[in-house]
C-alpha cells in the first residue's frame, strides 16, 4: 500500500519534474551538463542503440550499488526528466522492463515527500521551476529546508528576491555535491538520515560547515 503524501513532488505540474530515484543523480558527474547528456540519450537507450552512451560526460555511477535505469530520459517535449516507459509517456506501461518493475516504481516515494513539511513543499513549488535545481532540492530535502530558513532570516521583514536567493543556494549546493565522493541520493529516510552528514548543510555537521558559511554569505549578499 502506498504511504499517503500531501503533495506529490515527482511531477507536480508541466513545468518541472524529477527522476532522481531512477539513479541519474548518482552519476559520478552530476553537473547539469552531464545529467542532461545522460537524459538526452534516453531514447536511443530505450531502443537498444549500442552507441547510446556516446557523448555522455559520465555514465559511471558513484558506487557499485547504484542502478542507473536505462529508461530514464527527457519527456514532456524533451524538456523534463522522467520515465520513458511510463504509461503517461509511452501510452502503455513498459516498466516491467526495468529492474524494479511497475509495482515498485508506482508505489515508491523518495525521502523528500516525508522530510519536507507542507510549507517547504509549497515554497519549493512557488520558487523553483528549473528541473535541475528542483531535483537538487529533492535529492537533499533537509538541505533545502535549511536554505529556506537562511533566506527567511536574511530577508528579515523585507520581501527580497526569494527566488533569486534560493536559486543561488541550490546552484551552490549542486557544485558542492558534484565535488563529493559517494552517493548523494538515498532511497529511504533512514539511509538519508544516516548519511546526510556527508553532504547536507541541513545536517549541521563539521564536514559541511564551510559549505554552510558559503551559502549563508551568498544569501546575505543577495538580500542585504
N, C-alpha and C. Protein backbone atom coordinates (compact mmCIF):
# COMPACT_ATOMS: atom_id res chain seq x y z
N UNK A 1 0.84 -1.20 0.00
CA UNK A 1 0.00 0.00 0.00
C UNK A 1 0.88 1.25 0.00
N UNK A 2 0.48 2.24 -0.81
CA UNK A 2 1.22 3.49 -0.85
C UNK A 2 1.09 4.24 0.47
N UNK A 3 2.17 4.90 0.88
CA UNK A 3 2.08 5.81 2.00
C UNK A 3 1.39 7.09 1.52
N UNK A 4 0.55 7.64 2.36
CA UNK A 4 -0.15 8.86 2.00
C UNK A 4 0.83 10.04 2.01
N UNK A 5 0.79 10.83 0.97
CA UNK A 5 1.59 12.04 0.90
C UNK A 5 0.68 13.20 0.55
N UNK A 6 1.00 14.39 1.08
CA UNK A 6 0.13 15.53 0.85
C UNK A 6 0.33 16.15 -0.53
N UNK A 7 1.59 16.28 -0.95
CA UNK A 7 1.91 16.86 -2.25
C UNK A 7 2.91 15.93 -2.93
N UNK A 8 2.55 15.43 -4.10
CA UNK A 8 3.45 14.54 -4.84
C UNK A 8 4.44 15.38 -5.63
N UNK A 9 5.71 15.16 -5.41
CA UNK A 9 6.76 16.00 -5.96
C UNK A 9 7.37 15.47 -7.25
N UNK A 10 7.07 14.23 -7.62
CA UNK A 10 7.73 13.60 -8.77
C UNK A 10 7.55 14.43 -10.04
N UNK A 11 6.32 14.78 -10.33
CA UNK A 11 6.00 15.66 -11.46
C UNK A 11 4.75 16.46 -11.09
N UNK A 12 4.92 17.49 -10.30
CA UNK A 12 3.77 18.21 -9.76
C UNK A 12 2.97 18.99 -10.80
N UNK A 13 3.61 19.31 -11.93
CA UNK A 13 2.92 20.06 -12.98
C UNK A 13 3.72 19.88 -14.27
N UNK A 14 3.37 20.66 -15.29
CA UNK A 14 4.04 20.54 -16.58
C UNK A 14 5.27 21.41 -16.70
N UNK A 15 5.70 22.02 -15.59
CA UNK A 15 6.87 22.89 -15.62
C UNK A 15 8.12 22.26 -15.05
N UNK A 16 7.95 21.24 -14.20
CA UNK A 16 9.13 20.64 -13.57
C UNK A 16 8.85 19.20 -13.20
N UNK A 17 9.93 18.45 -13.06
CA UNK A 17 9.83 17.06 -12.63
C UNK A 17 11.20 16.60 -12.15
N UNK A 18 11.23 15.42 -11.57
CA UNK A 18 12.47 14.86 -11.02
C UNK A 18 12.49 13.36 -11.28
N UNK A 19 13.66 12.82 -11.64
CA UNK A 19 13.77 11.36 -11.76
C UNK A 19 15.00 10.86 -11.01
N UNK A 20 15.30 11.52 -9.88
CA UNK A 20 16.47 11.13 -9.08
C UNK A 20 16.38 9.68 -8.65
N UNK A 21 15.16 9.18 -8.40
CA UNK A 21 15.00 7.80 -7.96
C UNK A 21 15.40 6.79 -9.04
N UNK A 22 15.53 7.26 -10.28
CA UNK A 22 15.97 6.38 -11.37
C UNK A 22 17.49 6.28 -11.44
N UNK A 23 18.19 7.02 -10.57
CA UNK A 23 19.63 6.86 -10.42
C UNK A 23 20.50 7.93 -11.03
N UNK A 24 19.92 8.86 -11.79
CA UNK A 24 20.75 9.79 -12.54
C UNK A 24 21.59 10.69 -11.65
N UNK A 25 21.12 10.99 -10.43
CA UNK A 25 21.92 11.85 -9.56
C UNK A 25 22.92 11.06 -8.72
N UNK A 26 23.14 9.81 -9.08
CA UNK A 26 24.27 9.08 -8.55
C UNK A 26 25.28 8.75 -9.64
N UNK A 27 25.22 9.52 -10.75
CA UNK A 27 26.34 9.52 -11.68
C UNK A 27 27.55 10.13 -10.98
N UNK A 28 28.73 9.76 -11.44
CA UNK A 28 29.95 10.37 -10.87
C UNK A 28 29.93 11.87 -11.12
N UNK A 29 29.53 12.28 -12.31
CA UNK A 29 29.44 13.70 -12.66
C UNK A 29 27.96 14.09 -12.67
N UNK A 30 27.54 14.89 -11.70
CA UNK A 30 26.14 15.29 -11.67
C UNK A 30 25.99 16.78 -11.97
N UNK A 31 26.91 17.30 -12.77
CA UNK A 31 26.72 18.65 -13.27
C UNK A 31 25.50 18.67 -14.18
N UNK A 32 24.95 19.85 -14.40
CA UNK A 32 23.81 19.97 -15.30
C UNK A 32 24.14 19.38 -16.67
N UNK A 33 25.37 19.64 -17.15
CA UNK A 33 25.75 19.16 -18.48
C UNK A 33 25.76 17.64 -18.55
N UNK A 34 26.31 17.00 -17.52
CA UNK A 34 26.40 15.54 -17.51
C UNK A 34 25.02 14.89 -17.38
N UNK A 35 24.22 15.41 -16.45
CA UNK A 35 22.87 14.85 -16.26
C UNK A 35 22.04 15.05 -17.52
N UNK A 36 22.16 16.21 -18.14
CA UNK A 36 21.42 16.48 -19.37
C UNK A 36 21.85 15.55 -20.49
N UNK A 37 23.16 15.29 -20.57
CA UNK A 37 23.67 14.39 -21.61
C UNK A 37 23.13 12.98 -21.42
N UNK A 38 23.11 12.52 -20.18
CA UNK A 38 22.60 11.18 -19.89
C UNK A 38 21.11 11.08 -20.24
N UNK A 39 20.34 12.05 -19.80
CA UNK A 39 18.90 12.04 -20.07
C UNK A 39 18.62 12.22 -21.55
N UNK A 40 19.45 13.00 -22.22
CA UNK A 40 19.25 13.24 -23.64
C UNK A 40 19.45 12.00 -24.49
N UNK A 41 20.16 11.01 -23.96
CA UNK A 41 20.37 9.76 -24.68
C UNK A 41 19.38 8.68 -24.27
N UNK A 42 18.31 9.09 -23.58
CA UNK A 42 17.33 8.11 -23.12
C UNK A 42 16.63 7.38 -24.25
N UNK A 43 16.23 8.09 -25.29
CA UNK A 43 15.51 7.44 -26.40
C UNK A 43 16.37 6.41 -27.12
N UNK A 44 17.63 6.70 -27.45
CA UNK A 44 18.47 5.66 -28.04
C UNK A 44 18.65 4.44 -27.13
N UNK A 45 18.81 4.68 -25.82
CA UNK A 45 18.93 3.54 -24.90
C UNK A 45 17.66 2.71 -24.90
N UNK A 46 16.52 3.40 -24.96
CA UNK A 46 15.23 2.73 -24.95
C UNK A 46 15.12 1.74 -26.09
N UNK A 47 15.70 2.09 -27.22
CA UNK A 47 15.62 1.24 -28.41
C UNK A 47 16.86 0.40 -28.62
N UNK A 48 17.72 0.33 -27.60
CA UNK A 48 18.87 -0.57 -27.63
C UNK A 48 19.96 -0.17 -28.59
N UNK A 49 20.12 1.12 -28.85
CA UNK A 49 21.17 1.58 -29.75
C UNK A 49 22.52 1.43 -29.05
N UNK A 50 23.47 0.66 -29.62
CA UNK A 50 24.74 0.39 -28.92
C UNK A 50 25.53 1.64 -28.57
N UNK A 51 25.42 2.69 -29.41
CA UNK A 51 26.22 3.90 -29.16
C UNK A 51 25.48 4.91 -28.31
N UNK A 52 24.45 4.46 -27.59
CA UNK A 52 23.60 5.40 -26.84
C UNK A 52 24.36 6.17 -25.78
N UNK A 53 25.46 5.59 -25.28
CA UNK A 53 26.20 6.26 -24.22
C UNK A 53 27.27 7.21 -24.75
N UNK A 54 27.46 7.23 -26.05
CA UNK A 54 28.48 8.12 -26.63
C UNK A 54 28.06 9.56 -26.43
N UNK A 55 29.01 10.39 -26.09
CA UNK A 55 28.73 11.80 -25.88
C UNK A 55 28.34 12.14 -24.46
N UNK A 56 28.06 11.14 -23.62
CA UNK A 56 27.72 11.43 -22.23
C UNK A 56 29.00 11.76 -21.46
N UNK A 57 28.94 12.77 -20.63
CA UNK A 57 30.13 13.20 -19.92
C UNK A 57 30.55 12.16 -18.89
N UNK A 58 29.61 11.46 -18.32
CA UNK A 58 29.95 10.43 -17.34
C UNK A 58 28.76 9.50 -17.16
N UNK A 59 28.93 8.25 -17.53
CA UNK A 59 27.87 7.27 -17.29
C UNK A 59 28.29 6.32 -16.17
N UNK A 60 29.38 6.66 -15.50
CA UNK A 60 29.90 5.82 -14.41
C UNK A 60 29.21 6.18 -13.11
N UNK A 61 28.64 5.21 -12.41
CA UNK A 61 27.98 5.51 -11.14
C UNK A 61 28.97 5.81 -10.03
N UNK A 62 28.48 6.44 -8.97
CA UNK A 62 29.32 6.83 -7.84
C UNK A 62 29.71 5.65 -6.97
N UNK A 63 28.92 4.60 -6.97
CA UNK A 63 29.28 3.41 -6.20
C UNK A 63 28.69 2.19 -6.86
N UNK A 64 29.18 1.01 -6.50
CA UNK A 64 28.82 -0.22 -7.20
C UNK A 64 27.38 -0.65 -6.94
N UNK A 65 26.73 -0.05 -5.95
CA UNK A 65 25.36 -0.45 -5.63
C UNK A 65 24.32 0.41 -6.35
N UNK A 66 24.77 1.44 -7.05
CA UNK A 66 23.85 2.34 -7.73
C UNK A 66 23.35 1.72 -9.03
N UNK A 67 22.05 1.76 -9.23
CA UNK A 67 21.46 1.31 -10.50
C UNK A 67 21.05 2.53 -11.31
N UNK A 68 21.55 2.63 -12.52
CA UNK A 68 21.14 3.68 -13.44
C UNK A 68 20.12 3.11 -14.41
N UNK A 69 18.86 3.41 -14.20
CA UNK A 69 17.82 2.86 -15.06
C UNK A 69 18.03 3.38 -16.48
N UNK A 70 18.11 2.50 -17.47
CA UNK A 70 18.34 2.95 -18.85
C UNK A 70 17.12 3.64 -19.46
N UNK A 71 15.97 3.53 -18.81
CA UNK A 71 14.73 4.05 -19.39
C UNK A 71 14.37 5.45 -18.91
N UNK A 72 15.29 6.10 -18.21
CA UNK A 72 15.06 7.50 -17.84
C UNK A 72 15.56 8.40 -18.96
N UNK A 73 14.89 9.49 -19.15
CA UNK A 73 15.27 10.40 -20.22
C UNK A 73 14.43 11.67 -20.15
N UNK A 74 14.56 12.49 -21.17
CA UNK A 74 13.76 13.71 -21.25
C UNK A 74 12.39 13.39 -21.84
N UNK A 75 11.36 13.85 -21.15
CA UNK A 75 9.98 13.68 -21.61
C UNK A 75 9.36 15.08 -21.73
N UNK A 76 8.06 15.14 -21.90
CA UNK A 76 7.39 16.43 -21.96
C UNK A 76 7.91 17.32 -23.07
N UNK A 77 8.04 16.73 -24.27
CA UNK A 77 8.58 17.50 -25.38
C UNK A 77 10.08 17.67 -25.32
N UNK A 78 10.74 16.82 -24.54
CA UNK A 78 12.20 16.87 -24.44
C UNK A 78 12.73 17.87 -23.45
N UNK A 79 11.88 18.29 -22.49
CA UNK A 79 12.32 19.33 -21.56
C UNK A 79 12.32 18.90 -20.11
N UNK A 80 11.71 17.77 -19.77
CA UNK A 80 11.59 17.36 -18.38
C UNK A 80 12.08 15.93 -18.18
N UNK A 81 12.84 15.68 -17.10
CA UNK A 81 13.28 14.31 -16.83
C UNK A 81 12.11 13.43 -16.42
N UNK A 82 12.18 12.17 -16.78
CA UNK A 82 11.11 11.26 -16.41
C UNK A 82 11.35 9.86 -16.93
N UNK A 83 10.32 9.04 -16.87
CA UNK A 83 10.39 7.64 -17.26
C UNK A 83 9.85 7.48 -18.68
N UNK A 84 10.66 6.97 -19.57
CA UNK A 84 10.27 6.83 -20.97
C UNK A 84 9.33 5.65 -21.21
N UNK A 85 9.21 4.76 -20.21
CA UNK A 85 8.30 3.62 -20.37
C UNK A 85 7.10 3.72 -19.44
N UNK A 86 6.93 4.90 -18.82
CA UNK A 86 5.73 5.14 -18.01
C UNK A 86 4.52 5.25 -18.94
N UNK A 87 3.36 4.74 -18.52
CA UNK A 87 2.20 4.77 -19.42
C UNK A 87 1.80 6.18 -19.86
N UNK A 88 2.05 7.18 -19.03
CA UNK A 88 1.69 8.55 -19.41
C UNK A 88 2.58 9.08 -20.53
N UNK A 89 3.73 8.44 -20.71
CA UNK A 89 4.67 8.85 -21.76
C UNK A 89 4.60 7.92 -22.96
N UNK A 90 4.61 6.60 -22.69
CA UNK A 90 4.68 5.61 -23.76
C UNK A 90 3.32 5.18 -24.29
N UNK A 91 2.26 5.53 -23.55
CA UNK A 91 0.93 5.09 -23.98
C UNK A 91 0.55 3.73 -23.45
N UNK A 92 1.52 3.01 -22.93
CA UNK A 92 1.31 1.73 -22.27
C UNK A 92 2.39 1.57 -21.22
N UNK A 93 2.15 0.69 -20.27
CA UNK A 93 3.09 0.54 -19.16
C UNK A 93 4.20 -0.43 -19.54
N UNK A 94 5.42 0.09 -19.67
CA UNK A 94 6.56 -0.75 -20.01
C UNK A 94 7.55 -0.89 -18.88
N UNK A 95 7.11 -0.54 -17.67
CA UNK A 95 8.05 -0.54 -16.54
C UNK A 95 8.46 -1.93 -16.08
N UNK A 96 7.81 -2.98 -16.56
CA UNK A 96 8.27 -4.32 -16.23
C UNK A 96 9.62 -4.62 -16.87
N UNK A 97 9.99 -3.81 -17.85
CA UNK A 97 11.31 -3.95 -18.47
C UNK A 97 12.41 -3.44 -17.55
N UNK A 98 12.03 -2.65 -16.55
CA UNK A 98 13.03 -2.05 -15.65
C UNK A 98 13.41 -3.02 -14.54
N UNK A 99 14.46 -2.69 -13.81
CA UNK A 99 14.94 -3.56 -12.75
C UNK A 99 13.90 -3.76 -11.65
N UNK A 100 13.20 -2.69 -11.28
CA UNK A 100 12.29 -2.75 -10.14
C UNK A 100 10.87 -3.13 -10.52
N UNK A 101 10.51 -2.96 -11.78
CA UNK A 101 9.16 -3.31 -12.20
C UNK A 101 8.14 -2.25 -11.90
N UNK A 102 6.97 -2.39 -12.50
CA UNK A 102 5.94 -1.36 -12.40
C UNK A 102 5.41 -1.17 -10.99
N UNK A 103 5.23 -2.25 -10.25
CA UNK A 103 4.61 -2.15 -8.92
C UNK A 103 5.46 -1.34 -7.96
N UNK A 104 6.77 -1.63 -7.93
CA UNK A 104 7.66 -0.89 -7.04
C UNK A 104 7.79 0.55 -7.48
N UNK A 105 7.95 0.77 -8.78
CA UNK A 105 8.08 2.14 -9.28
C UNK A 105 6.82 2.96 -8.96
N UNK A 106 5.66 2.34 -9.08
CA UNK A 106 4.40 3.05 -8.85
C UNK A 106 4.23 3.42 -7.37
N UNK A 107 4.71 2.56 -6.50
CA UNK A 107 4.47 2.76 -5.06
C UNK A 107 5.53 3.60 -4.37
N UNK A 108 6.66 3.82 -5.03
CA UNK A 108 7.79 4.46 -4.35
C UNK A 108 7.63 5.97 -4.24
N UNK A 109 7.95 6.50 -3.06
CA UNK A 109 8.09 7.93 -2.85
C UNK A 109 9.41 8.17 -2.13
N UNK A 110 10.19 9.12 -2.62
CA UNK A 110 11.52 9.37 -2.07
C UNK A 110 11.42 10.10 -0.72
N UNK A 111 12.54 10.19 0.02
CA UNK A 111 12.52 10.82 1.34
C UNK A 111 11.99 12.25 1.37
N UNK A 112 12.14 13.00 0.28
CA UNK A 112 11.66 14.39 0.28
C UNK A 112 10.18 14.48 0.56
N UNK A 113 9.41 13.49 0.15
CA UNK A 113 7.96 13.52 0.38
C UNK A 113 7.61 13.50 1.86
N UNK A 114 8.50 12.94 2.67
CA UNK A 114 8.21 12.77 4.09
C UNK A 114 9.03 13.70 4.99
N UNK A 115 10.16 14.18 4.48
CA UNK A 115 11.02 15.03 5.29
C UNK A 115 10.76 16.52 5.09
N UNK A 116 10.15 16.89 3.99
CA UNK A 116 9.74 18.28 3.79
C UNK A 116 8.31 18.44 4.28
N UNK A 117 8.08 19.46 5.10
CA UNK A 117 6.71 19.71 5.52
C UNK A 117 5.94 20.41 4.40
N UNK A 118 4.65 20.58 4.59
CA UNK A 118 3.80 21.13 3.54
C UNK A 118 4.23 22.53 3.14
N UNK A 119 4.66 23.32 4.12
CA UNK A 119 5.08 24.70 3.82
C UNK A 119 6.33 24.69 2.95
N UNK A 120 7.30 23.86 3.28
CA UNK A 120 8.53 23.79 2.49
C UNK A 120 8.23 23.31 1.07
N UNK A 121 7.31 22.37 0.93
CA UNK A 121 6.93 21.90 -0.41
C UNK A 121 6.28 23.02 -1.20
N UNK A 122 5.43 23.79 -0.56
CA UNK A 122 4.79 24.91 -1.27
C UNK A 122 5.82 25.95 -1.67
N UNK A 123 6.81 26.20 -0.82
CA UNK A 123 7.87 27.14 -1.17
C UNK A 123 8.71 26.62 -2.33
N UNK A 124 8.96 25.33 -2.33
CA UNK A 124 9.69 24.72 -3.44
C UNK A 124 8.95 24.91 -4.75
N UNK A 125 7.67 24.65 -4.73
CA UNK A 125 6.87 24.77 -5.95
C UNK A 125 6.69 26.23 -6.37
N UNK A 126 6.69 27.12 -5.41
CA UNK A 126 6.50 28.54 -5.72
C UNK A 126 7.75 29.18 -6.30
N UNK A 127 8.94 28.72 -5.89
CA UNK A 127 10.16 29.45 -6.23
C UNK A 127 11.14 28.71 -7.13
N UNK A 128 10.95 27.40 -7.34
CA UNK A 128 11.93 26.64 -8.13
C UNK A 128 11.22 25.96 -9.29
N UNK A 129 11.45 26.48 -10.49
CA UNK A 129 10.83 25.92 -11.69
C UNK A 129 11.82 25.07 -12.48
N UNK A 130 13.04 25.51 -12.58
CA UNK A 130 14.06 24.79 -13.33
C UNK A 130 14.21 23.35 -12.83
N UNK A 131 14.16 22.38 -13.75
CA UNK A 131 14.14 20.97 -13.35
C UNK A 131 15.41 20.54 -12.62
N UNK A 132 16.56 21.10 -13.00
CA UNK A 132 17.82 20.68 -12.38
C UNK A 132 17.90 21.15 -10.93
N UNK A 133 17.61 22.42 -10.70
CA UNK A 133 17.63 22.93 -9.33
C UNK A 133 16.54 22.26 -8.49
N UNK A 134 15.40 22.04 -9.10
CA UNK A 134 14.31 21.35 -8.42
C UNK A 134 14.77 19.96 -7.96
N UNK A 135 15.49 19.24 -8.81
CA UNK A 135 15.97 17.90 -8.47
C UNK A 135 17.00 17.95 -7.34
N UNK A 136 17.85 18.97 -7.34
CA UNK A 136 18.83 19.12 -6.26
C UNK A 136 18.10 19.27 -4.92
N UNK A 137 17.02 20.04 -4.90
CA UNK A 137 16.24 20.21 -3.67
C UNK A 137 15.63 18.88 -3.23
N UNK A 138 15.16 18.08 -4.18
CA UNK A 138 14.57 16.78 -3.87
C UNK A 138 15.64 15.83 -3.33
N UNK A 139 16.81 15.85 -3.93
CA UNK A 139 17.90 14.96 -3.51
C UNK A 139 18.28 15.21 -2.05
N UNK A 140 18.32 16.48 -1.66
CA UNK A 140 18.70 16.84 -0.28
C UNK A 140 17.59 17.68 0.36
N UNK A 141 16.51 17.05 0.79
CA UNK A 141 15.36 17.81 1.29
C UNK A 141 15.64 18.64 2.54
N UNK A 142 16.40 18.10 3.48
CA UNK A 142 16.67 18.87 4.69
C UNK A 142 17.68 19.98 4.42
N UNK A 143 18.51 19.79 3.42
CA UNK A 143 19.38 20.86 2.98
C UNK A 143 18.56 22.01 2.39
N UNK A 144 17.55 21.66 1.61
CA UNK A 144 16.68 22.69 1.05
C UNK A 144 15.91 23.40 2.15
N UNK A 145 15.41 22.65 3.12
CA UNK A 145 14.69 23.28 4.25
C UNK A 145 15.61 24.24 5.00
N UNK A 146 16.87 23.87 5.17
CA UNK A 146 17.84 24.76 5.82
C UNK A 146 18.02 26.03 5.00
N UNK A 147 18.11 25.90 3.68
CA UNK A 147 18.26 27.07 2.81
C UNK A 147 17.08 28.01 2.96
N UNK A 148 15.88 27.46 3.04
CA UNK A 148 14.70 28.31 3.23
C UNK A 148 14.81 29.09 4.53
N UNK A 149 15.28 28.44 5.58
CA UNK A 149 15.44 29.11 6.86
C UNK A 149 16.45 30.24 6.78
N UNK A 150 17.55 30.02 6.06
CA UNK A 150 18.57 31.06 5.90
C UNK A 150 18.05 32.23 5.08
N UNK A 151 17.27 31.94 4.03
CA UNK A 151 16.68 33.00 3.22
C UNK A 151 15.71 33.82 4.06
N UNK A 152 14.93 33.13 4.88
CA UNK A 152 13.95 33.81 5.74
C UNK A 152 14.67 34.74 6.73
N UNK A 153 15.75 34.26 7.32
CA UNK A 153 16.49 35.08 8.28
C UNK A 153 17.15 36.28 7.61
N UNK A 154 17.73 36.06 6.43
CA UNK A 154 18.41 37.15 5.73
C UNK A 154 17.43 38.20 5.23
N UNK A 155 16.24 37.76 4.83
CA UNK A 155 15.24 38.69 4.31
C UNK A 155 14.66 39.56 5.42
N UNK A 156 14.59 39.01 6.63
CA UNK A 156 14.02 39.75 7.75
C UNK A 156 12.60 40.18 7.46
N UNK A 157 12.31 41.44 7.71
CA UNK A 157 10.96 41.96 7.47
C UNK A 157 10.73 42.35 6.02
N UNK A 158 11.81 42.40 5.24
CA UNK A 158 11.67 42.77 3.83
C UNK A 158 11.28 41.57 2.99
N UNK A 159 10.69 41.85 1.85
CA UNK A 159 10.28 40.77 0.96
C UNK A 159 11.50 40.15 0.29
N UNK A 160 12.34 40.96 -0.35
CA UNK A 160 13.53 40.44 -1.01
C UNK A 160 13.19 39.55 -2.18
N UNK A 161 14.21 39.18 -2.92
CA UNK A 161 14.01 38.27 -4.05
C UNK A 161 14.31 36.85 -3.60
N UNK A 162 13.31 36.22 -3.01
CA UNK A 162 13.48 34.87 -2.50
C UNK A 162 13.88 33.90 -3.60
N UNK A 163 13.27 34.03 -4.77
CA UNK A 163 13.54 33.09 -5.86
C UNK A 163 15.01 33.16 -6.26
N UNK A 164 15.57 34.36 -6.35
CA UNK A 164 16.98 34.51 -6.73
C UNK A 164 17.89 33.92 -5.65
N UNK A 165 17.55 34.14 -4.38
CA UNK A 165 18.37 33.62 -3.30
C UNK A 165 18.33 32.09 -3.25
N UNK A 166 17.15 31.53 -3.42
CA UNK A 166 17.02 30.07 -3.42
C UNK A 166 17.73 29.47 -4.62
N UNK A 167 17.60 30.12 -5.77
CA UNK A 167 18.28 29.65 -6.98
C UNK A 167 19.79 29.61 -6.76
N UNK A 168 20.34 30.70 -6.22
CA UNK A 168 21.77 30.76 -5.97
C UNK A 168 22.21 29.68 -4.98
N UNK A 169 21.42 29.48 -3.92
CA UNK A 169 21.76 28.47 -2.91
C UNK A 169 21.78 27.07 -3.52
N UNK A 170 20.79 26.76 -4.36
CA UNK A 170 20.72 25.44 -4.98
C UNK A 170 21.85 25.23 -5.98
N UNK A 171 22.21 26.27 -6.72
CA UNK A 171 23.33 26.16 -7.66
C UNK A 171 24.63 25.93 -6.90
N UNK A 172 24.80 26.64 -5.80
CA UNK A 172 26.00 26.46 -4.96
C UNK A 172 26.05 25.04 -4.42
N UNK A 173 24.90 24.55 -3.99
CA UNK A 173 24.84 23.19 -3.43
C UNK A 173 25.11 22.14 -4.50
N UNK A 174 24.63 22.37 -5.71
CA UNK A 174 24.86 21.42 -6.80
C UNK A 174 26.36 21.28 -7.07
N UNK A 175 27.08 22.39 -7.06
CA UNK A 175 28.52 22.34 -7.26
C UNK A 175 29.21 21.58 -6.13
N UNK A 176 28.77 21.81 -4.92
CA UNK A 176 29.34 21.12 -3.76
C UNK A 176 29.10 19.61 -3.86
N UNK A 177 27.88 19.21 -4.20
CA UNK A 177 27.55 17.80 -4.31
C UNK A 177 28.38 17.12 -5.41
N UNK A 178 28.60 17.84 -6.49
CA UNK A 178 29.33 17.25 -7.61
C UNK A 178 30.78 16.96 -7.26
N UNK A 179 31.34 17.73 -6.32
CA UNK A 179 32.73 17.54 -5.93
C UNK A 179 32.92 16.42 -4.90
N UNK A 180 31.83 15.92 -4.34
CA UNK A 180 31.92 14.89 -3.31
C UNK A 180 32.05 13.50 -3.90
N UNK A 181 32.62 12.59 -3.14
CA UNK A 181 32.62 11.17 -3.48
C UNK A 181 31.42 10.51 -2.81
N UNK A 182 30.99 9.40 -3.35
CA UNK A 182 29.90 8.64 -2.75
C UNK A 182 28.53 9.13 -3.21
N UNK A 183 27.51 8.32 -2.97
CA UNK A 183 26.15 8.66 -3.42
C UNK A 183 25.59 9.86 -2.68
N UNK A 184 24.75 10.62 -3.37
CA UNK A 184 24.10 11.77 -2.74
C UNK A 184 22.58 11.63 -2.75
N UNK A 185 22.06 10.66 -3.47
CA UNK A 185 20.63 10.39 -3.39
C UNK A 185 20.42 9.09 -2.63
N UNK A 186 19.59 9.16 -1.59
CA UNK A 186 19.28 7.97 -0.79
C UNK A 186 17.80 7.62 -0.97
N UNK A 187 17.51 6.33 -1.00
CA UNK A 187 16.17 5.87 -1.34
C UNK A 187 15.21 5.83 -0.16
N UNK A 188 15.72 5.80 1.04
CA UNK A 188 14.83 5.75 2.21
C UNK A 188 15.20 6.84 3.19
N UNK A 189 14.25 7.19 4.06
CA UNK A 189 14.52 8.19 5.08
C UNK A 189 15.67 7.77 5.99
N UNK A 190 15.69 6.49 6.37
CA UNK A 190 16.73 6.02 7.28
C UNK A 190 18.12 6.11 6.65
N UNK A 191 18.23 5.76 5.36
CA UNK A 191 19.53 5.86 4.68
C UNK A 191 19.95 7.33 4.56
N UNK A 192 19.00 8.16 4.22
CA UNK A 192 19.30 9.59 4.09
C UNK A 192 19.79 10.16 5.42
N UNK A 193 19.07 9.89 6.50
CA UNK A 193 19.44 10.44 7.81
C UNK A 193 20.74 9.85 8.34
N UNK A 194 21.07 8.65 7.89
CA UNK A 194 22.33 8.03 8.29
C UNK A 194 23.52 8.68 7.59
N UNK A 195 23.29 9.15 6.36
CA UNK A 195 24.41 9.60 5.52
C UNK A 195 24.42 11.10 5.21
N UNK A 196 23.37 11.83 5.58
CA UNK A 196 23.31 13.21 5.10
C UNK A 196 24.33 14.13 5.74
N UNK A 197 24.98 13.67 6.81
CA UNK A 197 26.04 14.48 7.40
C UNK A 197 27.19 14.72 6.42
N UNK A 198 27.32 13.84 5.40
CA UNK A 198 28.40 13.98 4.43
C UNK A 198 28.18 15.12 3.46
N UNK A 199 26.90 15.40 3.16
CA UNK A 199 26.64 16.30 2.04
C UNK A 199 25.61 17.39 2.29
N UNK A 200 24.85 17.32 3.36
CA UNK A 200 23.74 18.24 3.53
C UNK A 200 24.05 19.38 4.50
N UNK A 201 23.86 20.64 4.08
CA UNK A 201 24.01 21.73 5.04
C UNK A 201 22.96 21.66 6.14
N UNK A 202 21.88 20.94 5.90
CA UNK A 202 20.85 20.77 6.91
C UNK A 202 21.26 19.87 8.05
N UNK A 203 22.37 19.14 7.89
CA UNK A 203 22.82 18.23 8.94
C UNK A 203 23.55 18.96 10.05
N UNK A 204 24.11 20.13 9.76
CA UNK A 204 24.89 20.85 10.75
C UNK A 204 26.21 20.19 11.08
N UNK A 205 26.67 19.29 10.23
CA UNK A 205 27.88 18.53 10.53
C UNK A 205 29.14 19.35 10.25
N UNK A 206 30.25 19.03 10.90
CA UNK A 206 31.51 19.74 10.65
C UNK A 206 31.95 19.66 9.19
N UNK A 207 31.65 18.56 8.52
CA UNK A 207 32.09 18.40 7.14
C UNK A 207 31.38 19.34 6.17
N UNK A 208 30.25 19.92 6.60
CA UNK A 208 29.54 20.86 5.73
C UNK A 208 29.58 22.30 6.26
N UNK A 209 30.40 22.54 7.28
CA UNK A 209 30.43 23.86 7.91
C UNK A 209 30.86 24.95 6.92
N UNK A 210 31.95 24.72 6.19
CA UNK A 210 32.42 25.71 5.22
C UNK A 210 31.38 25.95 4.14
N UNK A 211 30.74 24.89 3.70
CA UNK A 211 29.70 24.99 2.68
C UNK A 211 28.52 25.81 3.20
N UNK A 212 28.12 25.58 4.43
CA UNK A 212 27.03 26.36 5.03
C UNK A 212 27.38 27.84 5.06
N UNK A 213 28.61 28.12 5.44
CA UNK A 213 29.05 29.51 5.52
C UNK A 213 29.01 30.18 4.14
N UNK A 214 29.43 29.44 3.12
CA UNK A 214 29.43 29.98 1.76
C UNK A 214 28.00 30.30 1.32
N UNK A 215 27.08 29.38 1.53
CA UNK A 215 25.69 29.62 1.14
C UNK A 215 25.11 30.79 1.92
N UNK A 216 25.36 30.81 3.21
CA UNK A 216 24.82 31.87 4.06
C UNK A 216 25.32 33.25 3.61
N UNK A 217 26.60 33.33 3.30
CA UNK A 217 27.18 34.60 2.86
C UNK A 217 26.59 35.04 1.52
N UNK A 218 26.39 34.11 0.63
CA UNK A 218 25.85 34.46 -0.68
C UNK A 218 24.37 34.87 -0.58
N UNK A 219 23.63 34.22 0.28
CA UNK A 219 22.24 34.61 0.51
C UNK A 219 22.19 36.02 1.08
N UNK A 220 23.01 36.29 2.10
CA UNK A 220 23.04 37.60 2.73
C UNK A 220 23.42 38.67 1.72
N UNK A 221 24.37 38.35 0.82
CA UNK A 221 24.79 39.31 -0.17
C UNK A 221 23.67 39.68 -1.14
N UNK A 222 22.80 38.73 -1.42
CA UNK A 222 21.69 38.99 -2.33
C UNK A 222 20.57 39.76 -1.66
N UNK A 223 20.33 39.46 -0.39
CA UNK A 223 19.15 40.02 0.28
C UNK A 223 19.46 41.20 1.19
N UNK A 224 20.75 41.55 1.32
CA UNK A 224 21.12 42.67 2.19
C UNK A 224 20.53 43.98 1.70
